[in-house]
Amino acid sequence: MPTLLLLSYLPLGVFVAILQRHIMRKVKWSQRVIKQPGEVTHKNIGLPDRLLRLTIAIVVLVYGLWVGSELAVVIAGYTFYEALAKWCGLYALVGRNTCPIN
């Protein structure tokens, strides 16, 4: 599969991450995610975790482009979003927070 076509899957991963965050906010999945009605979700990923996720996203993106895997490119987009938004849905569900300042 051509590289440019594979890169078109990157926004899908970002969309999935944004959709997950939106659903968790609307459904009030966990009290750790939303404390007051209308309050936005807190950041729960610190700098070391963000750098690790960014590195993983780059590695997975290169792998996906190398072997032609659409799923790997989508996962890379999802991981890029987590690193940029400083928010992880799994961390929110289990109550983990590695960010020193919310």
PDB file of N, CA and C in Angstrom:
ATOM      1  N   MET A   1       0.850  -1.171   0.000  1.00  0.00           N
ATOM      2  CA  MET A   1       0.000   0.000   0.000  1.00  0.00           C
ATOM      3  C   MET A   1       0.899   1.238   0.000  1.00  0.00           C
ATOM      4  N   PRO A   2       0.586   2.237  -0.784  1.00  0.00           N
ATOM      5  CA  PRO A   2       1.406   3.451  -0.838  1.00  0.00           C
ATOM      6  C   PRO A   2       1.439   4.182   0.509  1.00  0.00           C
ATOM      7  N   THR A   3       2.560   4.812   0.791  1.00  0.00           N
ATOM      8  CA  THR A   3       2.769   5.498   2.060  1.00  0.00           C
ATOM      9  C   THR A   3       1.755   6.610   2.286  1.00  0.00           C
ATOM     10  N   LEU A   4       1.451   7.392   1.264  1.00  0.00           N
ATOM     11  CA  LEU A   4       0.493   8.487   1.439  1.00  0.00           C
ATOM     12  C   LEU A   4      -0.893   7.971   1.790  1.00  0.00           C
ATOM     13  N   LEU A   5      -1.265   6.852   1.211  1.00  0.00           N
ATOM     14  CA  LEU A   5      -2.563   6.266   1.535  1.00  0.00           C
ATOM     15  C   LEU A   5      -2.575   5.783   2.985  1.00  0.00           C
ATOM     16  N   LEU A   6      -1.465   5.201   3.429  1.00  0.00           N
ATOM     17  CA  LEU A   6      -1.387   4.757   4.819  1.00  0.00           C
ATOM     18  C   LEU A   6      -1.446   5.936   5.786  1.00  0.00           C
ATOM     19  N   LEU A   7      -0.819   7.041   5.429  1.00  0.00           N
ATOM     20  CA  LEU A   7      -0.850   8.218   6.303  1.00  0.00           C
ATOM     21  C   LEU A   7      -2.255   8.788   6.460  1.00  0.00           C
ATOM     22  N   SER A   8      -3.124   8.477   5.521  1.00  0.00           N
ATOM     23  CA  SER A   8      -4.500   8.952   5.635  1.00  0.00           C
ATOM     24  C   SER A   8      -5.237   8.271   6.792  1.00  0.00           C
ATOM     25  N   TYR A   9      -4.694   7.180   7.312  1.00  0.00           N
ATOM     26  CA  TYR A   9      -5.302   6.502   8.457  1.00  0.00           C
ATOM     27  C   TYR A   9      -4.915   7.154   9.780  1.00  0.00           C
ATOM     28  N   LEU A  10      -3.896   7.994   9.796  1.00  0.00           N
ATOM     29  CA  LEU A  10      -3.439   8.646  11.019  1.00  0.00           C
ATOM     30  C   LEU A  10      -4.541   9.469  11.684  1.00  0.00           C
ATOM     31  N   PRO A  11      -5.288  10.290  10.953  1.00  0.00           N
ATOM     32  CA  PRO A  11      -6.372  11.049  11.603  1.00  0.00           C
ATOM     33  C   PRO A  11      -7.463  10.158  12.195  1.00  0.00           C
ATOM     34  N   LEU A  12      -7.608   8.944  11.688  1.00  0.00           N
ATOM     35  CA  LEU A  12      -8.603   8.026  12.251  1.00  0.00           C
ATOM     36  C   LEU A  12      -8.256   7.689  13.696  1.00  0.00           C
ATOM     37  N   GLY A  13      -6.976   7.468  13.963  1.00  0.00           N
ATOM     38  CA  GLY A  13      -6.550   7.201  15.338  1.00  0.00           C
ATOM     39  C   GLY A  13      -6.803   8.385  16.247  1.00  0.00           C
ATOM     40  N   VAL A  14      -6.543   9.576  15.748  1.00  0.00           N
ATOM     41  CA  VAL A  14      -6.807  10.784  16.522  1.00  0.00           C
ATOM     42  C   VAL A  14      -8.304  10.923  16.777  1.00  0.00           C
ATOM     43  N   PHE A  15      -9.107  10.657  15.759  1.00  0.00           N
ATOM     44  CA  PHE A  15     -10.557  10.734  15.903  1.00  0.00           C
ATOM     45  C   PHE A  15     -11.061   9.745  16.957  1.00  0.00           C
ATOM     46  N   VAL A  16     -10.539   8.535  16.954  1.00  0.00           N
ATOM     47  CA  VAL A  16     -10.955   7.522  17.928  1.00  0.00           C
ATOM     48  C   VAL A  16     -10.620   7.983  19.344  1.00  0.00           C
ATOM     49  N   ALA A  17      -9.439   8.565  19.538  1.00  0.00           N
ATOM     50  CA  ALA A  17      -9.044   9.049  20.862  1.00  0.00           C
ATOM     51  C   ALA A  17      -9.944  10.194  21.320  1.00  0.00           C
ATOM     52  N   ILE A  18     -10.252  11.117  20.432  1.00  0.00           N
ATOM     53  CA  ILE A  18     -11.133  12.239  20.773  1.00  0.00           C
ATOM     54  C   ILE A  18     -12.544  11.731  21.075  1.00  0.00           C
ATOM     55  N   LEU A  19     -13.008  10.778  20.297  1.00  0.00           N
ATOM     56  CA  LEU A  19     -14.333  10.196  20.530  1.00  0.00           C
ATOM     57  C   LEU A  19     -14.389   9.508  21.885  1.00  0.00           C
ATOM     58  N   GLN A  20     -13.332   8.777  22.233  1.00  0.00           N
ATOM     59  CA  GLN A  20     -13.285   8.110  23.534  1.00  0.00           C
ATOM     60  C   GLN A  20     -13.364   9.133  24.657  1.00  0.00           C
ATOM     61  N   ARG A  21     -12.621  10.210  24.544  1.00  0.00           N
ATOM     62  CA  ARG A  21     -12.623  11.244  25.574  1.00  0.00           C
ATOM     63  C   ARG A  21     -14.002  11.892  25.687  1.00  0.00           C
ATOM     64  N   HIS A  22     -14.618  12.170  24.547  1.00  0.00           N
ATOM     65  CA  HIS A  22     -15.944  12.781  24.535  1.00  0.00           C
ATOM     66  C   HIS A  22     -16.982  11.860  25.176  1.00  0.00           C
ATOM     67  N   ILE A  23     -16.946  10.593  24.840  1.00  0.00           N
ATOM     68  CA  ILE A  23     -17.912   9.634  25.395  1.00  0.00           C
ATOM     69  C   ILE A  23     -17.726   9.522  26.900  1.00  0.00           C
ATOM     70  N   MET A  24     -16.468   9.440  27.342  1.00  0.00           N
ATOM     71  CA  MET A  24     -16.234   9.327  28.787  1.00  0.00           C
ATOM     72  C   MET A  24     -16.717  10.558  29.522  1.00  0.00           C
ATOM     73  N   ARG A  25     -16.610  11.711  28.888  1.00  0.00           N
ATOM     74  CA  ARG A  25     -17.076  12.942  29.509  1.00  0.00           C
ATOM     75  C   ARG A  25     -18.602  12.970  29.573  1.00  0.00           C
ATOM     76  N   LYS A  26     -19.270  12.547  28.507  1.00  0.00           N
ATOM     77  CA  LYS A  26     -20.734  12.594  28.457  1.00  0.00           C
ATOM     78  C   LYS A  26     -21.380  11.534  29.336  1.00  0.00           C
ATOM     79  N   VAL A  27     -20.808  10.342  29.345  1.00  0.00           N
ATOM     80  CA  VAL A  27     -21.396   9.237  30.084  1.00  0.00           C
ATOM     81  C   VAL A  27     -21.020   9.308  31.566  1.00  0.00           C
ATOM     82  N   LYS A  28     -20.027  10.142  31.876  1.00  0.00           N
ATOM     83  CA  LYS A  28     -19.508  10.244  33.239  1.00  0.00           C
ATOM     84  C   LYS A  28     -19.058   8.869  33.717  1.00  0.00           C
ATOM     85  N   TRP A  29     -18.211   8.253  32.885  1.00  0.00           N
ATOM     86  CA  TRP A  29     -17.739   6.887  33.111  1.00  0.00           C
ATOM     87  C   TRP A  29     -17.118   6.722  34.489  1.00  0.00           C
ATOM     88  N   SER A  30     -16.363   7.708  34.911  1.00  0.00           N
ATOM     89  CA  SER A  30     -15.668   7.597  36.186  1.00  0.00           C
ATOM     90  C   SER A  30     -15.677   8.957  36.869  1.00  0.00           C
ATOM     91  N   GLN A  31     -15.847   8.970  38.153  1.00  0.00           N
ATOM     92  CA  GLN A  31     -15.816  10.234  38.886  1.00  0.00           C
ATOM     93  C   GLN A  31     -14.425  10.852  38.858  1.00  0.00           C
ATOM     94  N   ARG A  32     -13.412  10.041  38.558  1.00  0.00           N
ATOM     95  CA  ARG A  32     -12.063  10.572  38.452  1.00  0.00           C
ATOM     96  C   ARG A  32     -11.886  11.389  37.177  1.00  0.00           C
ATOM     97  N   VAL A  33     -12.758  11.169  36.196  1.00  0.00           N
ATOM     98  CA  VAL A  33     -12.667  11.890  34.936  1.00  0.00           C
ATOM     99  C   VAL A  33     -13.355  13.243  35.055  1.00  0.00           C
ATOM    100  N   ILE A  34     -14.540  13.269  35.654  1.00  0.00           N
ATOM    101  CA  ILE A  34     -15.302  14.514  35.804  1.00  0.00           C
ATOM    102  C   ILE A  34     -15.718  14.645  37.268  1.00  0.00           C
ATOM    103  N   LYS A  35     -15.409  15.777  37.858  1.00  0.00           N
ATOM    104  CA  LYS A  35     -15.760  15.992  39.251  1.00  0.00           C
ATOM    105  C   LYS A  35     -16.986  16.879  39.396  1.00  0.00           C
ATOM    106  N   GLN A  36     -17.162  17.832  38.505  1.00  0.00           N
ATOM    107  CA  GLN A  36     -18.304  18.737  38.525  1.00  0.00           C
ATOM    108  C   GLN A  36     -18.965  18.709  37.148  1.00  0.00           C
ATOM    109  N   PRO A  37     -20.277  18.889  37.077  1.00  0.00           N
ATOM    110  CA  PRO A  37     -20.915  18.959  35.759  1.00  0.00           C
ATOM    111  C   PRO A  37     -20.324  20.095  34.930  1.00  0.00           C
ATOM    112  N   GLY A  38     -19.967  19.800  33.725  1.00  0.00           N
ATOM    113  CA  GLY A  38     -19.404  20.805  32.834  1.00  0.00           C
ATOM    114  C   GLY A  38     -17.904  20.988  32.956  1.00  0.00           C
ATOM    115  N   GLU A  39     -17.278  20.359  33.946  1.00  0.00           N
ATOM    116  CA  GLU A  39     -15.836  20.501  34.124  1.00  0.00           C
ATOM    117  C   GLU A  39     -15.107  19.648  33.093  1.00  0.00           C
ATOM    118  N   VAL A  40     -14.085  20.207  32.500  1.00  0.00           N
ATOM    119  CA  VAL A  40     -13.334  19.449  31.508  1.00  0.00           C
ATOM    120  C   VAL A  40     -12.423  18.444  32.196  1.00  0.00           C
ATOM    121  N   THR A  41     -12.025  17.442  31.454  1.00  0.00           N
ATOM    122  CA  THR A  41     -11.167  16.413  32.017  1.00  0.00           C
ATOM    123  C   THR A  41      -9.795  16.982  32.342  1.00  0.00           C
ATOM    124  N   HIS A  42      -9.194  16.444  33.361  1.00  0.00           N
ATOM    125  CA  HIS A  42      -7.886  16.889  33.800  1.00  0.00           C
ATOM    126  C   HIS A  42      -6.794  16.186  33.013  1.00  0.00           C
ATOM    127  N   LYS A  43      -5.654  16.794  32.989  1.00  0.00           N
ATOM    128  CA  LYS A  43      -4.487  16.149  32.401  1.00  0.00           C
ATOM    129  C   LYS A  43      -4.025  15.081  33.383  1.00  0.00           C
ATOM    130  N   ASN A  44      -3.674  13.920  32.856  1.00  0.00           N
ATOM    131  CA  ASN A  44      -3.222  12.860  33.749  1.00  0.00           C
ATOM    132  C   ASN A  44      -1.950  12.164  33.250  1.00  0.00           C
ATOM    133  N   ILE A  45      -1.251  12.784  32.302  1.00  0.00           N
ATOM    134  CA  ILE A  45      -0.002  12.222  31.807  1.00  0.00           C
ATOM    135  C   ILE A  45       1.100  13.253  32.006  1.00  0.00           C
ATOM    136  N   GLY A  46       2.135  12.866  32.743  1.00  0.00           N
ATOM    137  CA  GLY A  46       3.278  13.738  32.984  1.00  0.00           C
ATOM    138  C   GLY A  46       4.253  13.721  31.813  1.00  0.00           C
ATOM    139  N   LEU A  47       5.297  14.529  31.909  1.00  0.00           N
ATOM    140  CA  LEU A  47       6.267  14.675  30.829  1.00  0.00           C
ATOM    141  C   LEU A  47       6.977  13.364  30.464  1.00  0.00           C
ATOM    142  N   PRO A  48       7.458  12.562  31.429  1.00  0.00           N
ATOM    143  CA  PRO A  48       8.117  11.307  31.032  1.00  0.00           C
ATOM    144  C   PRO A  48       7.182  10.375  30.251  1.00  0.00           C
ATOM    145  N   ASP A  49       5.928  10.270  30.699  1.00  0.00           N
ATOM    146  CA  ASP A  49       4.954   9.437  29.989  1.00  0.00           C
ATOM    147  C   ASP A  49       4.654   9.987  28.604  1.00  0.00           C
ATOM    148  N   ARG A  50       4.565  11.303  28.495  1.00  0.00           N
ATOM    149  CA  ARG A  50       4.293  11.919  27.192  1.00  0.00           C
ATOM    150  C   ARG A  50       5.422  11.642  26.215  1.00  0.00           C
ATOM    151  N   LEU A  51       6.666  11.776  26.677  1.00  0.00           N
ATOM    152  CA  LEU A  51       7.807  11.499  25.799  1.00  0.00           C
ATOM    153  C   LEU A  51       7.846  10.030  25.390  1.00  0.00           C
ATOM    154  N   LEU A  52       7.525   9.140  26.329  1.00  0.00           N
ATOM    155  CA  LEU A  52       7.480   7.714  26.006  1.00  0.00           C
ATOM    156  C   LEU A  52       6.394   7.424  24.974  1.00  0.00           C
ATOM    157  N   ARG A  53       5.220   8.006  25.155  1.00  0.00           N
ATOM    158  CA  ARG A  53       4.128   7.788  24.203  1.00  0.00           C
ATOM    159  C   ARG A  53       4.455   8.369  22.833  1.00  0.00           C
ATOM    160  N   LEU A  54       5.106   9.511  22.817  1.00  0.00           N
ATOM    161  CA  LEU A  54       5.510  10.111  21.550  1.00  0.00           C
ATOM    162  C   LEU A  54       6.521   9.224  20.833  1.00  0.00           C
ATOM    163  N   THR A  55       7.473   8.682  21.572  1.00  0.00           N
ATOM    164  CA  THR A  55       8.449   7.764  20.991  1.00  0.00           C
ATOM    165  C   THR A  55       7.770   6.504  20.456  1.00  0.00           C
ATOM    166  N   ILE A  56       6.856   5.960  21.241  1.00  0.00           N
ATOM    167  CA  ILE A  56       6.123   4.764  20.806  1.00  0.00           C
ATOM    168  C   ILE A  56       5.320   5.073  19.551  1.00  0.00           C
ATOM    169  N   ALA A  57       4.671   6.247  19.513  1.00  0.00           N
ATOM    170  CA  ALA A  57       3.876   6.612  18.338  1.00  0.00           C
ATOM    171  C   ALA A  57       4.743   6.697  17.089  1.00  0.00           C
ATOM    172  N   ILE A  58       5.924   7.271  17.221  1.00  0.00           N
ATOM    173  CA  ILE A  58       6.813   7.383  16.061  1.00  0.00           C
ATOM    174  C   ILE A  58       7.263   6.003  15.598  1.00  0.00           C
ATOM    175  N   VAL A  59       7.643   5.149  16.543  1.00  0.00           N
ATOM    176  CA  VAL A  59       8.091   3.796  16.199  1.00  0.00           C
ATOM    177  C   VAL A  59       6.963   3.008  15.535  1.00  0.00           C
ATOM    178  N   VAL A  60       5.767   3.080  16.103  1.00  0.00           N
ATOM    179  CA  VAL A  60       4.629   2.347  15.535  1.00  0.00           C
ATOM    180  C   VAL A  60       4.253   2.907  14.162  1.00  0.00           C
ATOM    181  N   LEU A  61       4.339   4.230  13.987  1.00  0.00           N
ATOM    182  CA  LEU A  61       4.043   4.829  12.690  1.00  0.00           C
ATOM    183  C   LEU A  61       5.044   4.363  11.636  1.00  0.00           C
ATOM    184  N   VAL A  62       6.326   4.376  11.975  1.00  0.00           N
ATOM    185  CA  VAL A  62       7.345   3.917  11.026  1.00  0.00           C
ATOM    186  C   VAL A  62       7.133   2.439  10.704  1.00  0.00           C
ATOM    187  N   TYR A  63       6.838   1.643  11.731  1.00  0.00           N
ATOM    188  CA  TYR A  63       6.568   0.217  11.495  1.00  0.00           C
ATOM    189  C   TYR A  63       5.360   0.037  10.576  1.00  0.00           C
ATOM    190  N   GLY A  64       4.290   0.773  10.872  1.00  0.00           N
ATOM    191  CA  GLY A  64       3.084   0.657  10.054  1.00  0.00           C
ATOM    192  C   GLY A  64       3.316   1.050   8.610  1.00  0.00           C
ATOM    193  N   LEU A  65       4.104   2.094   8.402  1.00  0.00           N
ATOM    194  CA  LEU A  65       4.424   2.509   7.033  1.00  0.00           C
ATOM    195  C   LEU A  65       5.346   1.493   6.360  1.00  0.00           C
ATOM    196  N   TRP A  66       6.242   0.900   7.126  1.00  0.00           N
ATOM    197  CA  TRP A  66       7.201  -0.061   6.572  1.00  0.00           C
ATOM    198  C   TRP A  66       6.512  -1.338   6.096  1.00  0.00           C
ATOM    199  N   VAL A  67       5.609  -1.870   6.934  1.00  0.00           N
ATOM    200  CA  VAL A  67       4.961  -3.141   6.582  1.00  0.00           C
ATOM    201  C   VAL A  67       3.614  -2.949   5.902  1.00  0.00           C
ATOM    202  N   GLY A  68       3.116  -1.722   5.899  1.00  0.00           N
ATOM    203  CA  GLY A  68       1.836  -1.456   5.242  1.00  0.00           C
ATOM    204  C   GLY A  68       0.632  -1.801   6.096  1.00  0.00           C
ATOM    205  N   SER A  69       0.723  -1.582   7.399  1.00  0.00           N
ATOM    206  CA  SER A  69      -0.357  -1.922   8.316  1.00  0.00           C
ATOM    207  C   SER A  69      -1.200  -0.694   8.647  1.00  0.00           C
ATOM    208  N   GLU A  70      -2.458  -0.732   8.249  1.00  0.00           N
ATOM    209  CA  GLU A  70      -3.364   0.370   8.552  1.00  0.00           C
ATOM    210  C   GLU A  70      -3.623   0.469  10.048  1.00  0.00           C
ATOM    211  N   LEU A  71      -3.746  -0.674  10.714  1.00  0.00           N
ATOM    212  CA  LEU A  71      -4.022  -0.693  12.142  1.00  0.00           C
ATOM    213  C   LEU A  71      -2.883  -0.038  12.932  1.00  0.00           C
ATOM    214  N   ALA A  72      -1.658  -0.311  12.549  1.00  0.00           N
ATOM    215  CA  ALA A  72      -0.514   0.300  13.230  1.00  0.00           C
ATOM    216  C   ALA A  72      -0.528   1.820  13.059  1.00  0.00           C
ATOM    217  N   VAL A  73      -0.914   2.301  11.912  1.00  0.00           N
ATOM    218  CA  VAL A  73      -0.968   3.749  11.680  1.00  0.00           C
ATOM    219  C   VAL A  73      -2.088   4.374  12.519  1.00  0.00           C
ATOM    220  N   VAL A  74      -3.213   3.697  12.651  1.00  0.00           N
ATOM    221  CA  VAL A  74      -4.313   4.191  13.489  1.00  0.00           C
ATOM    222  C   VAL A  74      -3.875   4.236  14.954  1.00  0.00           C
ATOM    223  N   ILE A  75      -3.195   3.192  15.410  1.00  0.00           N
ATOM    224  CA  ILE A  75      -2.701   3.159  16.786  1.00  0.00           C
ATOM    225  C   ILE A  75      -1.692   4.281  17.017  1.00  0.00           C
ATOM    226  N   ALA A  76      -0.852   4.543  16.035  1.00  0.00           N
ATOM    227  CA  ALA A  76       0.112   5.644  16.150  1.00  0.00           C
ATOM    228  C   ALA A  76      -0.617   6.977  16.290  1.00  0.00           C
ATOM    229  N   GLY A  77      -1.677   7.193  15.520  1.00  0.00           N
ATOM    230  CA  GLY A  77      -2.465   8.425  15.633  1.00  0.00           C
ATOM    231  C   GLY A  77      -3.095   8.570  17.001  1.00  0.00           C
ATOM    232  N   TYR A  78      -3.613   7.461  17.540  1.00  0.00           N
ATOM    233  CA  TYR A  78      -4.213   7.467  18.867  1.00  0.00           C
ATOM    234  C   TYR A  78      -3.176   7.843  19.922  1.00  0.00           C
ATOM    235  N   THR A  79      -1.990   7.250  19.813  1.00  0.00           N
ATOM    236  CA  THR A  79      -0.927   7.500  20.777  1.00  0.00           C
ATOM    237  C   THR A  79      -0.393   8.929  20.655  1.00  0.00           C
ATOM    238  N   PHE A  80      -0.316   9.453  19.422  1.00  0.00           N
ATOM    239  CA  PHE A  80       0.068  10.855  19.229  1.00  0.00           C
ATOM    240  C   PHE A  80      -0.907  11.772  19.954  1.00  0.00           C
ATOM    241  N   TYR A  81      -2.199  11.500  19.819  1.00  0.00           N
ATOM    242  CA  TYR A  81      -3.203  12.330  20.477  1.00  0.00           C
ATOM    243  C   TYR A  81      -3.029  12.292  21.992  1.00  0.00           C
ATOM    244  N   GLU A  82      -2.827  11.093  22.547  1.00  0.00           N
ATOM    245  CA  GLU A  82      -2.643  10.991  23.994  1.00  0.00           C
ATOM    246  C   GLU A  82      -1.459  11.834  24.459  1.00  0.00           C
ATOM    247  N   ALA A  83      -0.365  11.771  23.708  1.00  0.00           N
ATOM    248  CA  ALA A  83       0.827  12.538  24.092  1.00  0.00           C
ATOM    249  C   ALA A  83       0.575  14.041  23.991  1.00  0.00           C
ATOM    250  N   LEU A  84      -0.127  14.473  22.961  1.00  0.00           N
ATOM    251  CA  LEU A  84      -0.371  15.904  22.775  1.00  0.00           C
ATOM    252  C   LEU A  84      -1.444  16.444  23.721  1.00  0.00           C
ATOM    253  N   ALA A  85      -2.469  15.645  23.997  1.00  0.00           N
ATOM    254  CA  ALA A  85      -3.563  16.098  24.864  1.00  0.00           C
ATOM    255  C   ALA A  85      -3.238  15.936  26.349  1.00  0.00           C
ATOM    256  N   LYS A  86      -2.185  15.200  26.671  1.00  0.00           N
ATOM    257  CA  LYS A  86      -1.788  14.950  28.053  1.00  0.00           C
ATOM    258  C   LYS A  86      -2.879  14.223  28.831  1.00  0.00           C
ATOM    259  N   TRP A  87      -3.621  13.373  28.145  1.00  0.00           N
ATOM    260  CA  TRP A  87      -4.740  12.678  28.770  1.00  0.00           C
ATOM    261  C   TRP A  87      -4.828  11.263  28.248  1.00  0.00           C
ATOM    262  N   CYS A  88      -5.014  10.301  29.147  1.00  0.00           N
ATOM    263  CA  CYS A  88      -5.147   8.896  28.779  1.00  0.00           C
ATOM    264  C   CYS A  88      -6.436   8.352  29.388  1.00  0.00           C
ATOM    265  N   GLY A  89      -7.267   7.746  28.560  1.00  0.00           N
ATOM    266  CA  GLY A  89      -8.529   7.193  29.026  1.00  0.00           C
ATOM    267  C   GLY A  89      -8.344   6.054  30.009  1.00  0.00           C
ATOM    268  N   LEU A  90      -7.358   5.199  29.765  1.00  0.00           N
ATOM    269  CA  LEU A  90      -7.099   4.084  30.675  1.00  0.00           C
ATOM    270  C   LEU A  90      -6.641   4.597  32.037  1.00  0.00           C
ATOM    271  N   TYR A  91      -5.769   5.590  32.037  1.00  0.00           N
ATOM    272  CA  TYR A  91      -5.345   6.190  33.301  1.00  0.00           C
ATOM    273  C   TYR A  91      -6.548   6.775  34.036  1.00  0.00           C
ATOM    274  N   ALA A  92      -7.442   7.417  33.317  1.00  0.00           N
ATOM    275  CA  ALA A  92      -8.625   8.010  33.943  1.00  0.00           C
ATOM    276  C   ALA A  92      -9.504   6.932  34.571  1.00  0.00           C
ATOM    277  N   LEU A  93      -9.644   5.794  33.897  1.00  0.00           N
ATOM    278  CA  LEU A  93     -10.491   4.725  34.424  1.00  0.00           C
ATOM    279  C   LEU A  93      -9.924   4.098  35.691  1.00  0.00           C
ATOM    280  N   VAL A  94      -8.605   3.935  35.729  1.00  0.00           N
ATOM    281  CA  VAL A  94      -8.001   3.281  36.896  1.00  0.00           C
ATOM    282  C   VAL A  94      -7.566   4.285  37.963  1.00  0.00           C
ATOM    283  N   GLY A  95      -7.696   5.587  37.682  1.00  0.00           N
ATOM    284  CA  GLY A  95      -7.384   6.612  38.658  1.00  0.00           C
ATOM    285  C   GLY A  95      -5.904   6.945  38.760  1.00  0.00           C
ATOM    286  N   ARG A  96      -5.146   6.620  37.752  1.00  0.00           N
ATOM    287  CA  ARG A  96      -3.708   6.921  37.764  1.00  0.00           C
ATOM    288  C   ARG A  96      -3.475   8.331  37.227  1.00  0.00           C
ATOM    289  N   ASN A  97      -2.489   9.011  37.811  1.00  0.00           N
ATOM    290  CA  ASN A  97      -2.150  10.356  37.381  1.00  0.00           C
ATOM    291  C   ASN A  97      -0.655  10.546  37.549  1.00  0.00           C
ATOM    292  N   THR A  98       0.059  10.767  36.434  1.00  0.00           N
ATOM    293  CA  THR A  98       1.495  10.997  36.495  1.00  0.00           C
ATOM    294  C   THR A  98       1.836  12.462  36.211  1.00  0.00           C
ATOM    295  N   CYS A  99       0.810  13.296  36.093  1.00  0.00           N
ATOM    296  CA  CYS A  99       1.030  14.717  35.842  1.00  0.00           C
ATOM    297  C   CYS A  99       1.086  15.442  37.194  1.00  0.00           C
ATOM    298  N   PRO A 100       2.191  16.161  37.471  1.00  0.00           N
ATOM    299  CA  PRO A 100       2.298  16.823  38.771  1.00  0.00           C
ATOM    300  C   PRO A 100       1.305  17.969  38.950  1.00  0.00           C
ATOM    301  N   ILE A 101       0.905  18.617  37.852  1.00  0.00           N
ATOM    302  CA  ILE A 101      -0.042  19.734  37.920  1.00  0.00           C
ATOM    303  C   ILE A 101      -1.217  19.415  37.009  1.00  0.00           C
ATOM    304  N   ASN A 102      -2.430  19.474  37.533  1.00  0.00           N
ATOM    305  CA  ASN A 102      -3.609  19.189  36.699  1.00  0.00           C
ATOM    306  C   ASN A 102      -4.075  20.428  36.022  1.00  0.00           C
TER     307      ASN A 102
END
